[in-house]
C-alpha atoms as a PDB file:
ATOM      1  CA  MET A   1       8.598  -1.614  29.684  1.00  0.00           C
ATOM      2  CA  LYS A   2       6.293  -4.215  28.112  1.00  0.00           C
ATOM      3  CA  ALA A   3       6.328  -2.282  24.841  1.00  0.00           C
ATOM      4  CA  LEU A   4      10.128  -2.187  24.835  1.00  0.00           C
ATOM      5  CA  LEU A   5      10.303  -5.912  25.545  1.00  0.00           C
ATOM      6  CA  ALA A   6       7.779  -6.634  22.798  1.00  0.00           C
ATOM      7  CA  LEU A   7       9.726  -4.536  20.296  1.00  0.00           C
ATOM      8  CA  SER A   8      13.024  -6.183  21.176  1.00  0.00           C
ATOM      9  CA  THR A   9      11.410  -9.627  20.876  1.00  0.00           C
ATOM     10  CA  LEU A  10       9.921  -8.604  17.534  1.00  0.00           C
ATOM     11  CA  ALA A  11      13.298  -7.430  16.309  1.00  0.00           C
ATOM     12  CA  THR A  12      14.871 -10.719  17.374  1.00  0.00           C
ATOM     13  CA  LEU A  13      12.189 -12.810  15.686  1.00  0.00           C
ATOM     14  CA  ALA A  14      12.200 -10.694  12.591  1.00  0.00           C
ATOM     15  CA  GLY A  15      15.935 -11.099  12.215  1.00  0.00           C
ATOM     16  CA  PRO A  16      17.277  -9.573   9.031  1.00  0.00           C
ATOM     17  CA  VAL A  17      13.904  -8.446   7.717  1.00  0.00           C
ATOM     18  CA  TYR A  18      14.378  -5.850   4.979  1.00  0.00           C
ATOM     19  CA  ALA A  19      18.179  -6.034   5.371  1.00  0.00           C
ATOM     20  CA  ASP A  20      18.709  -7.112   1.773  1.00  0.00           C
ATOM     21  CA  CYS A  21      16.211  -4.694   0.261  1.00  0.00           C
ATOM     22  CA  VAL A  22      17.982  -1.504  -0.712  1.00  0.00           C
ATOM     23  CA  TYR A  23      15.781   1.537  -1.198  1.00  0.00           C
ATOM     24  CA  PRO A  24      16.605   2.902  -4.653  1.00  0.00           C
ATOM     25  CA  PRO A  25      17.701   6.506  -4.999  1.00  0.00           C
ATOM     26  CA  PRO A  26      15.396   8.747  -7.017  1.00  0.00           C
ATOM     27  CA  PRO A  27      16.588  10.282 -10.289  1.00  0.00           C
ATOM     28  CA  SER A  28      19.192  12.915  -9.555  1.00  0.00           C
ATOM     29  CA  LYS A  29      17.483  15.583 -11.650  1.00  0.00           C
ATOM     30  CA  ILE A  30      14.158  16.319 -13.262  1.00  0.00           C
ATOM     31  CA  PRO A  31      14.846  18.915 -15.966  1.00  0.00           C
ATOM     32  CA  ASP A  32      12.983  22.197 -16.156  1.00  0.00           C
ATOM     33  CA  GLY A  33      10.570  21.950 -19.068  1.00  0.00           C
ATOM     34  CA  TYR A  34      11.071  25.631 -19.887  1.00  0.00           C
ATOM     35  CA  THR A  35      14.822  25.299 -20.456  1.00  0.00           C
ATOM     36  CA  ALA A  36      15.479  21.601 -21.104  1.00  0.00           C
ATOM     37  CA  THR A  37      16.639  20.170 -24.398  1.00  0.00           C
ATOM     38  CA  MET A  38      14.979  17.156 -25.991  1.00  0.00           C
ATOM     39  CA  GLN A  39      18.014  15.071 -25.009  1.00  0.00           C
ATOM     40  CA  GLU A  40      17.670  16.119 -21.350  1.00  0.00           C
ATOM     41  CA  MET A  41      13.992  15.218 -21.383  1.00  0.00           C
ATOM     42  CA  MET A  42      14.703  11.810 -22.941  1.00  0.00           C
ATOM     43  CA  GLU A  43      17.452  11.123 -20.380  1.00  0.00           C
ATOM     44  CA  ALA A  44      15.058  12.069 -17.593  1.00  0.00           C
ATOM     45  CA  LYS A  45      12.419   9.759 -19.047  1.00  0.00           C
ATOM     46  CA  LYS A  46      14.909   6.900 -18.993  1.00  0.00           C
ATOM     47  CA  ALA A  47      15.865   7.744 -15.398  1.00  0.00           C
ATOM     48  CA  VAL A  48      12.230   7.888 -14.251  1.00  0.00           C
ATOM     49  CA  THR A  49      11.447   4.617 -16.041  1.00  0.00           C
ATOM     50  CA  GLN A  50      14.444   2.966 -14.373  1.00  0.00           C
ATOM     51  CA  TYR A  51      13.383   4.369 -11.007  1.00  0.00           C
ATOM     52  CA  ASN A  52       9.919   2.888 -11.538  1.00  0.00           C
ATOM     53  CA  GLN A  53      11.479  -0.513 -12.191  1.00  0.00           C
ATOM     54  CA  ASP A  54      13.755  -0.142  -9.162  1.00  0.00           C
ATOM     55  CA  ILE A  55      10.850   0.782  -6.873  1.00  0.00           C
ATOM     56  CA  ASN A  56       8.844  -2.192  -8.152  1.00  0.00           C
ATOM     57  CA  ALA A  57      11.788  -4.483  -7.390  1.00  0.00           C
ATOM     58  CA  TYR A  58      12.176  -2.916  -3.931  1.00  0.00           C
ATOM     59  CA  VAL A  59       8.467  -3.372  -3.138  1.00  0.00           C
ATOM     60  CA  ALA A  60       8.621  -7.004  -4.266  1.00  0.00           C
ATOM     61  CA  CYS A  61      11.735  -7.504  -2.137  1.00  0.00           C
ATOM     62  CA  ILE A  62      10.232  -6.105   1.064  1.00  0.00           C
ATOM     63  CA  LYS A  63       7.098  -8.179   0.497  1.00  0.00           C
ATOM     64  CA  LEU A  64       9.134 -11.364   0.059  1.00  0.00           C
ATOM     65  CA  GLU A  65      11.307 -10.642   3.084  1.00  0.00           C
ATOM     66  CA  HIS A  66       8.234  -9.851   5.169  1.00  0.00           C
ATOM     67  CA  GLU A  67       6.526 -13.091   4.163  1.00  0.00           C
ATOM     68  CA  THR A  68       9.736 -15.038   4.854  1.00  0.00           C
ATOM     69  CA  ALA A  69      10.181 -13.447   8.278  1.00  0.00           C
ATOM     70  CA  VAL A  70       6.569 -14.179   9.268  1.00  0.00           C
ATOM     71  CA  SER A  71       6.887 -17.746   8.017  1.00  0.00           C
ATOM     72  CA  ASN A  72      10.207 -18.278   9.812  1.00  0.00           C
ATOM     73  CA  ALA A  73       8.789 -16.928  13.072  1.00  0.00           C
ATOM     74  CA  GLY A  74       6.076 -19.567  12.933  1.00  0.00           C
ATOM     75  CA  ASP A  75       4.167 -19.929  16.173  1.00  0.00           C
ATOM     76  CA  LYS A  76       6.800 -17.964  18.141  1.00  0.00           C
ATOM     77  CA  ILE A  77       5.205 -14.711  17.058  1.00  0.00           C
ATOM     78  CA  THR A  78       2.214 -13.142  18.752  1.00  0.00           C
ATOM     79  CA  PRO A  79      -0.639 -11.603  16.778  1.00  0.00           C
ATOM     80  CA  GLU A  80       0.528  -8.181  17.994  1.00  0.00           C
ATOM     81  CA  GLN A  81       4.053  -8.804  16.731  1.00  0.00           C
ATOM     82  CA  LYS A  82       2.759  -9.981  13.362  1.00  0.00           C
ATOM     83  CA  ALA A  83       0.535  -6.915  13.158  1.00  0.00           C
ATOM     84  CA  GLU A  84       3.568  -4.699  13.858  1.00  0.00           C
ATOM     85  CA  MET A  85       5.584  -6.484  11.168  1.00  0.00           C
ATOM     86  CA  ASP A  86       2.670  -6.056   8.732  1.00  0.00           C
ATOM     87  CA  LYS A  87       2.446  -2.371   9.623  1.00  0.00           C
ATOM     88  CA  ILE A  88       6.162  -1.793   8.983  1.00  0.00           C
ATOM     89  CA  GLU A  89       6.012  -3.557   5.607  1.00  0.00           C
ATOM     90  CA  THR A  90       2.934  -1.547   4.617  1.00  0.00           C
ATOM     91  CA  GLN A  91       4.565   1.739   5.650  1.00  0.00           C
ATOM     92  CA  LYS A  92       7.697   0.990   3.615  1.00  0.00           C
ATOM     93  CA  ASN A  93       5.602  -0.046   0.627  1.00  0.00           C
ATOM     94  CA  ASN A  94       3.410   3.051   0.795  1.00  0.00           C
ATOM     95  CA  ALA A  95       6.377   5.401   1.240  1.00  0.00           C
ATOM     96  CA  ALA A  96       8.102   3.950  -1.823  1.00  0.00           C
ATOM     97  CA  VAL A  97       4.975   4.149  -3.976  1.00  0.00           C
ATOM     98  CA  ASP A  98       4.206   7.693  -2.766  1.00  0.00           C
ATOM     99  CA  GLN A  99       7.707   8.872  -3.661  1.00  0.00           C
ATOM    100  CA  LEU A 100       7.513   7.217  -7.079  1.00  0.00           C
ATOM    101  CA  GLN A 101       4.168   8.898  -7.764  1.00  0.00           C
ATOM    102  CA  SER A 102       5.538  12.265  -6.678  1.00  0.00           C
ATOM    103  CA  ILE A 103       8.539  11.989  -8.976  1.00  0.00           C
ATOM    104  CA  ALA A 104       6.401  10.784 -11.884  1.00  0.00           C
ATOM    105  CA  GLU A 105       3.994  13.700 -11.377  1.00  0.00           C
ATOM    106  CA  ARG A 106       6.876  16.212 -11.295  1.00  0.00           C
ATOM    107  CA  PHE A 107       8.362  14.720 -14.451  1.00  0.00           C
ATOM    108  CA  ASN A 108       5.013  14.662 -16.257  1.00  0.00           C
ATOM    109  CA  GLU A 109       4.421  18.310 -15.369  1.00  0.00           C
ATOM    110  CA  GLN A 110       7.797  19.213 -16.887  1.00  0.00           C
ATOM    111  CA  VAL A 111       6.953  17.187 -20.016  1.00  0.00           C
ATOM    112  CA  ARG A 112       3.725  19.181 -20.398  1.00  0.00           C
ATOM    113  CA  ILE A 113       5.663  22.435 -20.004  1.00  0.00           C
ATOM    114  CA  TYR A 114       8.287  21.286 -22.487  1.00  0.00           C
ATOM    115  CA  LYS A 115       5.669  20.312 -25.065  1.00  0.00           C
ATOM    116  CA  GLN A 116       3.789  23.588 -24.626  1.00  0.00           C
ATOM    117  CA  LYS A 117       7.007  25.588 -24.973  1.00  0.00           C
ATOM    118  CA  ASN A 118       8.010  23.756 -28.142  1.00  0.00           C
ATOM    119  CA  ASP A 119       4.538  23.711 -29.744  1.00  0.00           C
ATOM    120  CA  PRO A 120       2.390  26.472 -28.238  1.00  0.00           C
ATOM    121  CA  ASN A 121      -0.491  25.645 -30.634  1.00  0.00           C
ATOM    122  CA  ALA A 122      -0.771  22.070 -29.404  1.00  0.00           C
ATOM    123  CA  SER A 123      -3.177  21.254 -26.609  1.00  0.00           C
ATOM    124  CA  SER A 124      -2.263  18.622 -24.096  1.00  0.00           C
ATOM    125  CA  SER A 125      -4.563  15.642 -23.753  1.00  0.00           C
ATOM    126  CA  SER A 126      -5.538  16.856 -20.289  1.00  0.00           C
ATOM    127  CA  ASP A 127      -6.627  20.199 -21.790  1.00  0.00           C
ATOM    128  CA  LYS A 128      -8.784  18.388 -24.334  1.00  0.00           C
ATOM    129  CA  LYS A 129     -10.455  16.377 -21.576  1.00  0.00           C
ATOM    130  CA  LYS A 130     -11.329  19.570 -19.704  1.00  0.00           C
ATOM    131  CA  ASN A 131     -13.088  21.129 -22.709  1.00  0.00           C
END
């Protein structure tokens, strides 16, 4: 019961925390490097770059809203409530960054495949580093 009361108090103090920060959707498609055209790869690059910018804006937004909520709560917030608010902000930040990294890795893998398919004699920079 205490935990429920603490969470409801935290929600009240936090107010509209994160309400204005909209999580950006990931690119709708990462092309297959084996079958993609150059135009499809360039469009995907633009989409991934835009997604990177959108995630950076989202992360900045949740940080600002978190700081504002903590500041607005002032001395009405307990250390436990602040810790919970910090934890939520960190989880949202980490989830956004993890998804961005996953999408970037998938795209980069398809770029390597595309380059290898279109120039089988070329070695990728990662292959050169391994040798």
